[in-house]
Amino acid sequence: MKLHNKAPQWNEETQSYVLNFNGRVTLASVKNFQIVHPNDLDYIVMQFGRIARDHFTMDFQYPMCPLQAFGVALSSFDAKLACE
C-alpha cells in the first residue's frame, strides 16, 4: 500500500500553510506531518508533531503497526537535523 503525506491548507488568519492535528500537536515544526490512506484522504494513518522543545507525539492506526510507525517517526529526524 502506498501512503501519502497530507497536503497542508492555506490559513488566511496566520498567512501560512497548516495541518489540523485536533489539538494533539501544539508547536509548529518542520518535523510535523500527517500520513493519509490513498483511497481516503481524510483517513489519517499516522500523525507526528512537536508538543514541546524536546518532546513529540505520535499517533497511528491500521494499516500501520507500532514498529512501522516508530521507524517512520525516527526517519523524520534524520533528514531535518540542520533545519532547526
PDB file of N, CA and C in Angstrom:
ATOM      1  N   MET A   1       0.835  -1.160   0.000  1.00  0.00           N
ATOM      2  CA  MET A   1       0.000   0.000   0.000  1.00  0.00           C
ATOM      3  C   MET A   1       0.892   1.238   0.000  1.00  0.00           C
ATOM      4  N   LYS A   2       0.550   2.191  -0.819  1.00  0.00           N
ATOM      5  CA  LYS A   2       1.323   3.422  -0.936  1.00  0.00           C
ATOM      6  C   LYS A   2       0.594   4.535  -0.186  1.00  0.00           C
ATOM      7  N   LEU A   3       1.179   4.991   0.926  1.00  0.00           N
ATOM      8  CA  LEU A   3       0.591   6.056   1.729  1.00  0.00           C
ATOM      9  C   LEU A   3       1.159   7.400   1.290  1.00  0.00           C
ATOM     10  N   HIS A   4       0.461   8.483   1.630  1.00  0.00           N
ATOM     11  CA  HIS A   4       0.855   9.818   1.181  1.00  0.00           C
ATOM     12  C   HIS A   4       0.873  10.800   2.342  1.00  0.00           C
ATOM     13  N   ASN A   5       1.728  11.832   2.242  1.00  0.00           N
ATOM     14  CA  ASN A   5       1.674  12.953   3.173  1.00  0.00           C
ATOM     15  C   ASN A   5       0.420  13.755   2.873  1.00  0.00           C
ATOM     16  N   LYS A   6      -0.246  14.208   3.915  1.00  0.00           N
ATOM     17  CA  LYS A   6      -1.408  15.059   3.727  1.00  0.00           C
ATOM     18  C   LYS A   6      -0.921  16.461   3.384  1.00  0.00           C
ATOM     19  N   ALA A   7      -1.503  17.050   2.367  1.00  0.00           N
ATOM     20  CA  ALA A   7      -1.113  18.394   1.948  1.00  0.00           C
ATOM     21  C   ALA A   7      -1.691  19.427   2.913  1.00  0.00           C
ATOM     22  N   PRO A   8      -0.882  20.390   3.348  1.00  0.00           N
ATOM     23  CA  PRO A   8      -1.404  21.432   4.246  1.00  0.00           C
ATOM     24  C   PRO A   8      -2.327  22.382   3.498  1.00  0.00           C
ATOM     25  N   GLN A   9      -3.206  23.045   4.259  1.00  0.00           N
ATOM     26  CA  GLN A   9      -4.148  24.007   3.698  1.00  0.00           C
ATOM     27  C   GLN A   9      -3.703  25.417   4.071  1.00  0.00           C
ATOM     28  N   TRP A  10      -3.950  26.383   3.188  1.00  0.00           N
ATOM     29  CA  TRP A  10      -3.590  27.771   3.457  1.00  0.00           C
ATOM     30  C   TRP A  10      -4.548  28.354   4.491  1.00  0.00           C
ATOM     31  N   ASN A  11      -3.991  29.013   5.502  1.00  0.00           N
ATOM     32  CA  ASN A  11      -4.775  29.653   6.550  1.00  0.00           C
ATOM     33  C   ASN A  11      -4.627  31.162   6.405  1.00  0.00           C
ATOM     34  N   GLU A  12      -5.721  31.834   6.085  1.00  0.00           N
ATOM     35  CA  GLU A  12      -5.692  33.288   5.887  1.00  0.00           C
ATOM     36  C   GLU A  12      -5.326  34.025   7.171  1.00  0.00           C
ATOM     37  N   GLU A  13      -5.787  33.524   8.311  1.00  0.00           N
ATOM     38  CA  GLU A  13      -5.542  34.188   9.588  1.00  0.00           C
ATOM     39  C   GLU A  13      -4.055  34.240   9.938  1.00  0.00           C
ATOM     40  N   THR A  14      -3.354  33.132   9.750  1.00  0.00           N
ATOM     41  CA  THR A  14      -1.930  33.075  10.089  1.00  0.00           C
ATOM     42  C   THR A  14      -1.028  33.323   8.889  1.00  0.00           C
ATOM     43  N   GLN A  15      -1.636  33.388   7.685  1.00  0.00           N
ATOM     44  CA  GLN A  15      -0.885  33.574   6.449  1.00  0.00           C
ATOM     45  C   GLN A  15       0.197  32.493   6.291  1.00  0.00           C
ATOM     46  N   SER A  16      -0.211  31.248   6.537  1.00  0.00           N
ATOM     47  CA  SER A  16       0.722  30.132   6.423  1.00  0.00           C
ATOM     48  C   SER A  16      -0.055  28.860   6.095  1.00  0.00           C
ATOM     49  N   TYR A  17       0.689  27.837   5.704  1.00  0.00           N
ATOM     50  CA  TYR A  17       0.087  26.521   5.470  1.00  0.00           C
ATOM     51  C   TYR A  17       0.019  25.770   6.790  1.00  0.00           C
ATOM     52  N   VAL A  18      -1.113  25.108   7.061  1.00  0.00           N
ATOM     53  CA  VAL A  18      -1.302  24.416   8.336  1.00  0.00           C
ATOM     54  C   VAL A  18      -1.956  23.049   8.119  1.00  0.00           C
ATOM     55  N   LEU A  19      -1.731  22.170   9.086  1.00  0.00           N
ATOM     56  CA  LEU A  19      -2.423  20.885   9.172  1.00  0.00           C
ATOM     57  C   LEU A  19      -3.231  20.886  10.451  1.00  0.00           C
ATOM     58  N   ASN A  20      -4.389  20.247  10.439  1.00  0.00           N
ATOM     59  CA  ASN A  20      -5.231  20.166  11.625  1.00  0.00           C
ATOM     60  C   ASN A  20      -4.887  18.893  12.401  1.00  0.00           C
ATOM     61  N   PHE A  21      -4.259  19.061  13.557  1.00  0.00           N
ATOM     62  CA  PHE A  21      -3.900  17.934  14.405  1.00  0.00           C
ATOM     63  C   PHE A  21      -4.910  17.734  15.538  1.00  0.00           C
ATOM     64  N   ASN A  22      -6.009  18.452  15.515  1.00  0.00           N
ATOM     65  CA  ASN A  22      -7.070  18.337  16.520  1.00  0.00           C
ATOM     66  C   ASN A  22      -6.541  18.454  17.942  1.00  0.00           C
ATOM     67  N   GLY A  23      -5.628  19.395  18.162  1.00  0.00           N
ATOM     68  CA  GLY A  23      -5.106  19.662  19.493  1.00  0.00           C
ATOM     69  C   GLY A  23      -3.983  18.758  19.956  1.00  0.00           C
ATOM     70  N   ARG A  24      -3.615  17.763  19.198  1.00  0.00           N
ATOM     71  CA  ARG A  24      -2.571  16.814  19.612  1.00  0.00           C
ATOM     72  C   ARG A  24      -1.167  17.381  19.442  1.00  0.00           C
ATOM     73  N   VAL A  25      -0.973  18.288  18.497  1.00  0.00           N
ATOM     74  CA  VAL A  25       0.322  18.913  18.259  1.00  0.00           C
ATOM     75  C   VAL A  25       0.167  20.397  18.571  1.00  0.00           C
ATOM     76  N   THR A  26       1.086  20.932  19.391  1.00  0.00           N
ATOM     77  CA  THR A  26       0.907  22.295  19.870  1.00  0.00           C
ATOM     78  C   THR A  26       1.920  23.297  19.336  1.00  0.00           C
ATOM     79  N   LEU A  27       3.016  22.851  18.729  1.00  0.00           N
ATOM     80  CA  LEU A  27       4.040  23.762  18.226  1.00  0.00           C
ATOM     81  C   LEU A  27       4.309  23.525  16.750  1.00  0.00           C
ATOM     82  N   ALA A  28       4.591  24.608  16.043  1.00  0.00           N
ATOM     83  CA  ALA A  28       4.952  24.494  14.629  1.00  0.00           C
ATOM     84  C   ALA A  28       6.360  23.913  14.504  1.00  0.00           C
ATOM     85  N   SER A  29       6.563  23.062  13.518  1.00  0.00           N
ATOM     86  CA  SER A  29       7.862  22.443  13.300  1.00  0.00           C
ATOM     87  C   SER A  29       7.926  21.874  11.890  1.00  0.00           C
ATOM     88  N   VAL A  30       9.134  21.845  11.326  1.00  0.00           N
ATOM     89  CA  VAL A  30       9.309  21.196  10.027  1.00  0.00           C
ATOM     90  C   VAL A  30       9.146  19.685  10.146  1.00  0.00           C
ATOM     91  N   LYS A  31       9.182  19.156  11.351  1.00  0.00           N
ATOM     92  CA  LYS A  31       9.044  17.716  11.570  1.00  0.00           C
ATOM     93  C   LYS A  31       7.584  17.263  11.656  1.00  0.00           C
ATOM     94  N   ASN A  32       6.638  18.174  11.792  1.00  0.00           N
ATOM     95  CA  ASN A  32       5.223  17.811  11.890  1.00  0.00           C
ATOM     96  C   ASN A  32       4.734  17.257  10.553  1.00  0.00           C
ATOM     97  N   PHE A  33       4.000  16.136  10.606  1.00  0.00           N
ATOM     98  CA  PHE A  33       3.431  15.590   9.374  1.00  0.00           C
ATOM     99  C   PHE A  33       2.240  14.691   9.682  1.00  0.00           C
ATOM    100  N   GLN A  34       1.438  14.474   8.664  1.00  0.00           N
ATOM    101  CA  GLN A  34       0.332  13.520   8.709  1.00  0.00           C
ATOM    102  C   GLN A  34       0.424  12.646   7.465  1.00  0.00           C
ATOM    103  N   ILE A  35       0.184  11.362   7.643  1.00  0.00           N
ATOM    104  CA  ILE A  35       0.177  10.404   6.535  1.00  0.00           C
ATOM    105  C   ILE A  35      -1.246   9.886   6.384  1.00  0.00           C
ATOM    106  N   VAL A  36      -1.756   9.902   5.153  1.00  0.00           N
ATOM    107  CA  VAL A  36      -3.137   9.516   4.902  1.00  0.00           C
ATOM    108  C   VAL A  36      -3.214   8.285   3.997  1.00  0.00           C
ATOM    109  N   HIS A  37      -4.349   7.626   4.060  1.00  0.00           N
ATOM    110  CA  HIS A  37      -4.650   6.457   3.228  1.00  0.00           C
ATOM    111  C   HIS A  37      -4.877   6.922   1.791  1.00  0.00           C
ATOM    112  N   PRO A  38      -4.375   6.194   0.796  1.00  0.00           N
ATOM    113  CA  PRO A  38      -4.504   6.642  -0.598  1.00  0.00           C
ATOM    114  C   PRO A  38      -5.949   6.700  -1.108  1.00  0.00           C
ATOM    115  N   ASN A  39      -6.833   5.877  -0.560  1.00  0.00           N
ATOM    116  CA  ASN A  39      -8.223   5.846  -1.033  1.00  0.00           C
ATOM    117  C   ASN A  39      -9.136   6.805  -0.288  1.00  0.00           C
ATOM    118  N   ASP A  40      -8.681   7.333   0.849  1.00  0.00           N
ATOM    119  CA  ASP A  40      -9.491   8.249   1.658  1.00  0.00           C
ATOM    120  C   ASP A  40      -8.558   9.259   2.319  1.00  0.00           C
ATOM    121  N   LEU A  41      -8.452  10.448   1.744  1.00  0.00           N
ATOM    122  CA  LEU A  41      -7.505  11.450   2.227  1.00  0.00           C
ATOM    123  C   LEU A  41      -7.895  12.021   3.592  1.00  0.00           C
ATOM    124  N   ASP A  42      -9.074  11.683   4.097  1.00  0.00           N
ATOM    125  CA  ASP A  42      -9.471  12.103   5.445  1.00  0.00           C
ATOM    126  C   ASP A  42      -9.126  11.052   6.496  1.00  0.00           C
ATOM    127  N   TYR A  43      -8.686   9.870   6.064  1.00  0.00           N
ATOM    128  CA  TYR A  43      -8.300   8.796   6.975  1.00  0.00           C
ATOM    129  C   TYR A  43      -6.818   8.956   7.294  1.00  0.00           C
ATOM    130  N   ILE A  44      -6.528   9.525   8.462  1.00  0.00           N
ATOM    131  CA  ILE A  44      -5.144   9.774   8.864  1.00  0.00           C
ATOM    132  C   ILE A  44      -4.588   8.498   9.485  1.00  0.00           C
ATOM    133  N   VAL A  45      -3.618   7.908   8.824  1.00  0.00           N
ATOM    134  CA  VAL A  45      -2.997   6.668   9.271  1.00  0.00           C
ATOM    135  C   VAL A  45      -1.979   6.957  10.375  1.00  0.00           C
ATOM    136  N   MET A  46      -1.264   8.075  10.252  1.00  0.00           N
ATOM    137  CA  MET A  46      -0.246   8.427  11.240  1.00  0.00           C
ATOM    138  C   MET A  46      -0.090   9.934  11.284  1.00  0.00           C
ATOM    139  N   GLN A  47       0.110  10.465  12.484  1.00  0.00           N
ATOM    140  CA  GLN A  47       0.482  11.868  12.620  1.00  0.00           C
ATOM    141  C   GLN A  47       1.580  11.983  13.663  1.00  0.00           C
ATOM    142  N   PHE A  48       2.463  12.935  13.430  1.00  0.00           N
ATOM    143  CA  PHE A  48       3.641  13.114  14.268  1.00  0.00           C
ATOM    144  C   PHE A  48       3.897  14.602  14.382  1.00  0.00           C
ATOM    145  N   GLY A  49       4.170  15.084  15.590  1.00  0.00           N
ATOM    146  CA  GLY A  49       4.431  16.505  15.721  1.00  0.00           C
ATOM    147  C   GLY A  49       5.006  16.902  17.060  1.00  0.00           C
ATOM    148  N   ARG A  50       5.501  18.129  17.091  1.00  0.00           N
ATOM    149  CA  ARG A  50       6.168  18.692  18.265  1.00  0.00           C
ATOM    150  C   ARG A  50       5.131  19.199  19.274  1.00  0.00           C
ATOM    151  N   ILE A  51       5.353  18.855  20.561  1.00  0.00           N
ATOM    152  CA  ILE A  51       4.492  19.356  21.624  1.00  0.00           C
ATOM    153  C   ILE A  51       5.277  20.184  22.645  1.00  0.00           C
ATOM    154  N   ALA A  52       6.594  20.102  22.627  1.00  0.00           N
ATOM    155  CA  ALA A  52       7.478  20.900  23.479  1.00  0.00           C
ATOM    156  C   ALA A  52       8.841  20.927  22.794  1.00  0.00           C
ATOM    157  N   ARG A  53       9.777  21.669  23.363  1.00  0.00           N
ATOM    158  CA  ARG A  53      11.090  21.828  22.716  1.00  0.00           C
ATOM    159  C   ARG A  53      11.723  20.486  22.358  1.00  0.00           C
ATOM    160  N   ASP A  54      11.708  19.541  23.262  1.00  0.00           N
ATOM    161  CA  ASP A  54      12.318  18.226  23.032  1.00  0.00           C
ATOM    162  C   ASP A  54      11.323  17.074  23.161  1.00  0.00           C
ATOM    163  N   HIS A  55      10.044  17.349  22.977  1.00  0.00           N
ATOM    164  CA  HIS A  55       9.014  16.313  23.101  1.00  0.00           C
ATOM    165  C   HIS A  55       8.117  16.302  21.872  1.00  0.00           C
ATOM    166  N   PHE A  56       7.808  15.097  21.416  1.00  0.00           N
ATOM    167  CA  PHE A  56       6.973  14.914  20.243  1.00  0.00           C
ATOM    168  C   PHE A  56       5.861  13.925  20.584  1.00  0.00           C
ATOM    169  N   THR A  57       4.805  13.955  19.801  1.00  0.00           N
ATOM    170  CA  THR A  57       3.721  12.991  19.942  1.00  0.00           C
ATOM    171  C   THR A  57       3.540  12.262  18.616  1.00  0.00           C
ATOM    172  N   MET A  58       3.154  10.982  18.715  1.00  0.00           N
ATOM    173  CA  MET A  58       2.925  10.172  17.516  1.00  0.00           C
ATOM    174  C   MET A  58       1.644   9.382  17.717  1.00  0.00           C
ATOM    175  N   ASP A  59       0.743   9.457  16.757  1.00  0.00           N
ATOM    176  CA  ASP A  59      -0.483   8.668  16.750  1.00  0.00           C
ATOM    177  C   ASP A  59      -0.497   7.867  15.461  1.00  0.00           C
ATOM    178  N   PHE A  60      -0.949   6.632  15.551  1.00  0.00           N
ATOM    179  CA  PHE A  60      -1.036   5.810  14.343  1.00  0.00           C
ATOM    180  C   PHE A  60      -2.190   4.839  14.499  1.00  0.00           C
ATOM    181  N   GLN A  61      -2.621   4.294  13.378  1.00  0.00           N
ATOM    182  CA  GLN A  61      -3.680   3.283  13.371  1.00  0.00           C
ATOM    183  C   GLN A  61      -3.502   2.394  12.149  1.00  0.00           C
ATOM    184  N   TYR A  62      -4.344   1.375  12.051  1.00  0.00           N
ATOM    185  CA  TYR A  62      -4.294   0.441  10.940  1.00  0.00           C
ATOM    186  C   TYR A  62      -4.271   1.215   9.629  1.00  0.00           C
ATOM    187  N   PRO A  63      -3.439   0.859   8.693  1.00  0.00           N
ATOM    188  CA  PRO A  63      -2.698  -0.378   8.497  1.00  0.00           C
ATOM    189  C   PRO A  63      -1.256  -0.342   9.001  1.00  0.00           C
ATOM    190  N   MET A  64      -0.874   0.615   9.821  1.00  0.00           N
ATOM    191  CA  MET A  64       0.498   0.654  10.348  1.00  0.00           C
ATOM    192  C   MET A  64       0.575  -0.125  11.657  1.00  0.00           C
ATOM    193  N   CYS A  65       1.705  -0.790  11.852  1.00  0.00           N
ATOM    194  CA  CYS A  65       1.961  -1.450  13.127  1.00  0.00           C
ATOM    195  C   CYS A  65       2.900  -0.536  13.930  1.00  0.00           C
ATOM    196  N   PRO A  66       3.045  -0.774  15.233  1.00  0.00           N
ATOM    197  CA  PRO A  66       3.902   0.092  16.056  1.00  0.00           C
ATOM    198  C   PRO A  66       5.335   0.208  15.536  1.00  0.00           C
ATOM    199  N   LEU A  67       5.907  -0.878  15.061  1.00  0.00           N
ATOM    200  CA  LEU A  67       7.281  -0.847  14.567  1.00  0.00           C
ATOM    201  C   LEU A  67       7.404   0.041  13.324  1.00  0.00           C
ATOM    202  N   GLN A  68       6.456  -0.060  12.406  1.00  0.00           N
ATOM    203  CA  GLN A  68       6.477   0.776  11.206  1.00  0.00           C
ATOM    204  C   GLN A  68       6.340   2.256  11.573  1.00  0.00           C
ATOM    205  N   ALA A  69       5.396   2.567  12.454  1.00  0.00           N
ATOM    206  CA  ALA A  69       5.167   3.955  12.855  1.00  0.00           C
ATOM    207  C   ALA A  69       6.410   4.528  13.540  1.00  0.00           C
ATOM    208  N   PHE A  70       7.022   3.749  14.406  1.00  0.00           N
ATOM    209  CA  PHE A  70       8.222   4.204  15.098  1.00  0.00           C
ATOM    210  C   PHE A  70       9.361   4.454  14.107  1.00  0.00           C
ATOM    211  N   GLY A  71       9.511   3.574  13.129  1.00  0.00           N
ATOM    212  CA  GLY A  71      10.540   3.748  12.106  1.00  0.00           C
ATOM    213  C   GLY A  71      10.327   5.005  11.281  1.00  0.00           C
ATOM    214  N   VAL A  72       9.089   5.285  10.908  1.00  0.00           N
ATOM    215  CA  VAL A  72       8.788   6.498  10.145  1.00  0.00           C
ATOM    216  C   VAL A  72       9.090   7.727  10.998  1.00  0.00           C
ATOM    217  N   ALA A  73       8.692   7.697  12.266  1.00  0.00           N
ATOM    218  CA  ALA A  73       8.957   8.828  13.168  1.00  0.00           C
ATOM    219  C   ALA A  73      10.462   9.068  13.312  1.00  0.00           C
ATOM    220  N   LEU A  74      11.224   8.017  13.506  1.00  0.00           N
ATOM    221  CA  LEU A  74      12.681   8.169  13.625  1.00  0.00           C
ATOM    222  C   LEU A  74      13.294   8.737  12.346  1.00  0.00           C
ATOM    223  N   SER A  75      12.793   8.300  11.210  1.00  0.00           N
ATOM    224  CA  SER A  75      13.356   8.782   9.953  1.00  0.00           C
ATOM    225  C   SER A  75      13.070  10.269   9.730  1.00  0.00           C
ATOM    226  N   SER A  76      12.055  10.799  10.369  1.00  0.00           N
ATOM    227  CA  SER A  76      11.769  12.225  10.205  1.00  0.00           C
ATOM    228  C   SER A  76      12.843  13.087  10.857  1.00  0.00           C
ATOM    229  N   PHE A  77      13.565  12.566  11.821  1.00  0.00           N
ATOM    230  CA  PHE A  77      14.652  13.313  12.454  1.00  0.00           C
ATOM    231  C   PHE A  77      15.897  13.326  11.587  1.00  0.00           C
ATOM    232  N   ASP A  78      16.153  12.281  10.845  1.00  0.00           N
ATOM    233  CA  ASP A  78      17.388  12.146  10.073  1.00  0.00           C
ATOM    234  C   ASP A  78      17.530  13.215   8.997  1.00  0.00           C
ATOM    235  N   ALA A  79      16.497  13.468   8.233  1.00  0.00           N
ATOM    236  CA  ALA A  79      16.602  14.367   7.100  1.00  0.00           C
ATOM    237  C   ALA A  79      16.522  15.837   7.480  1.00  0.00           C
ATOM    238  N   LYS A  80      16.154  16.155   8.730  1.00  0.00           N
ATOM    239  CA  LYS A  80      15.897  17.540   9.093  1.00  0.00           C
ATOM    240  C   LYS A  80      16.707  18.002  10.290  1.00  0.00           C
ATOM    241  N   LEU A  81      17.858  17.381  10.539  1.00  0.00           N
ATOM    242  CA  LEU A  81      18.652  17.732  11.711  1.00  0.00           C
ATOM    243  C   LEU A  81      19.144  19.172  11.678  1.00  0.00           C
ATOM    244  N   ALA A  82      19.493  19.701  10.541  1.00  0.00           N
ATOM    245  CA  ALA A  82      20.064  21.048  10.468  1.00  0.00           C
ATOM    246  C   ALA A  82      18.999  22.131  10.220  1.00  0.00           C
ATOM    247  N   CYS A  83      17.735  21.759  10.168  1.00  0.00           N
ATOM    248  CA  CYS A  83      16.696  22.742   9.841  1.00  0.00           C
ATOM    249  C   CYS A  83      16.266  23.578  11.034  1.00  0.00           C
ATOM    250  N   GLU A  84      16.507  23.139  12.243  1.00  0.00           N
ATOM    251  CA  GLU A  84      16.043  23.891  13.408  1.00  0.00           C
ATOM    252  C   GLU A  84      17.173  24.212  14.336  1.00  0.00           C
TER     253      GLU A  84
END
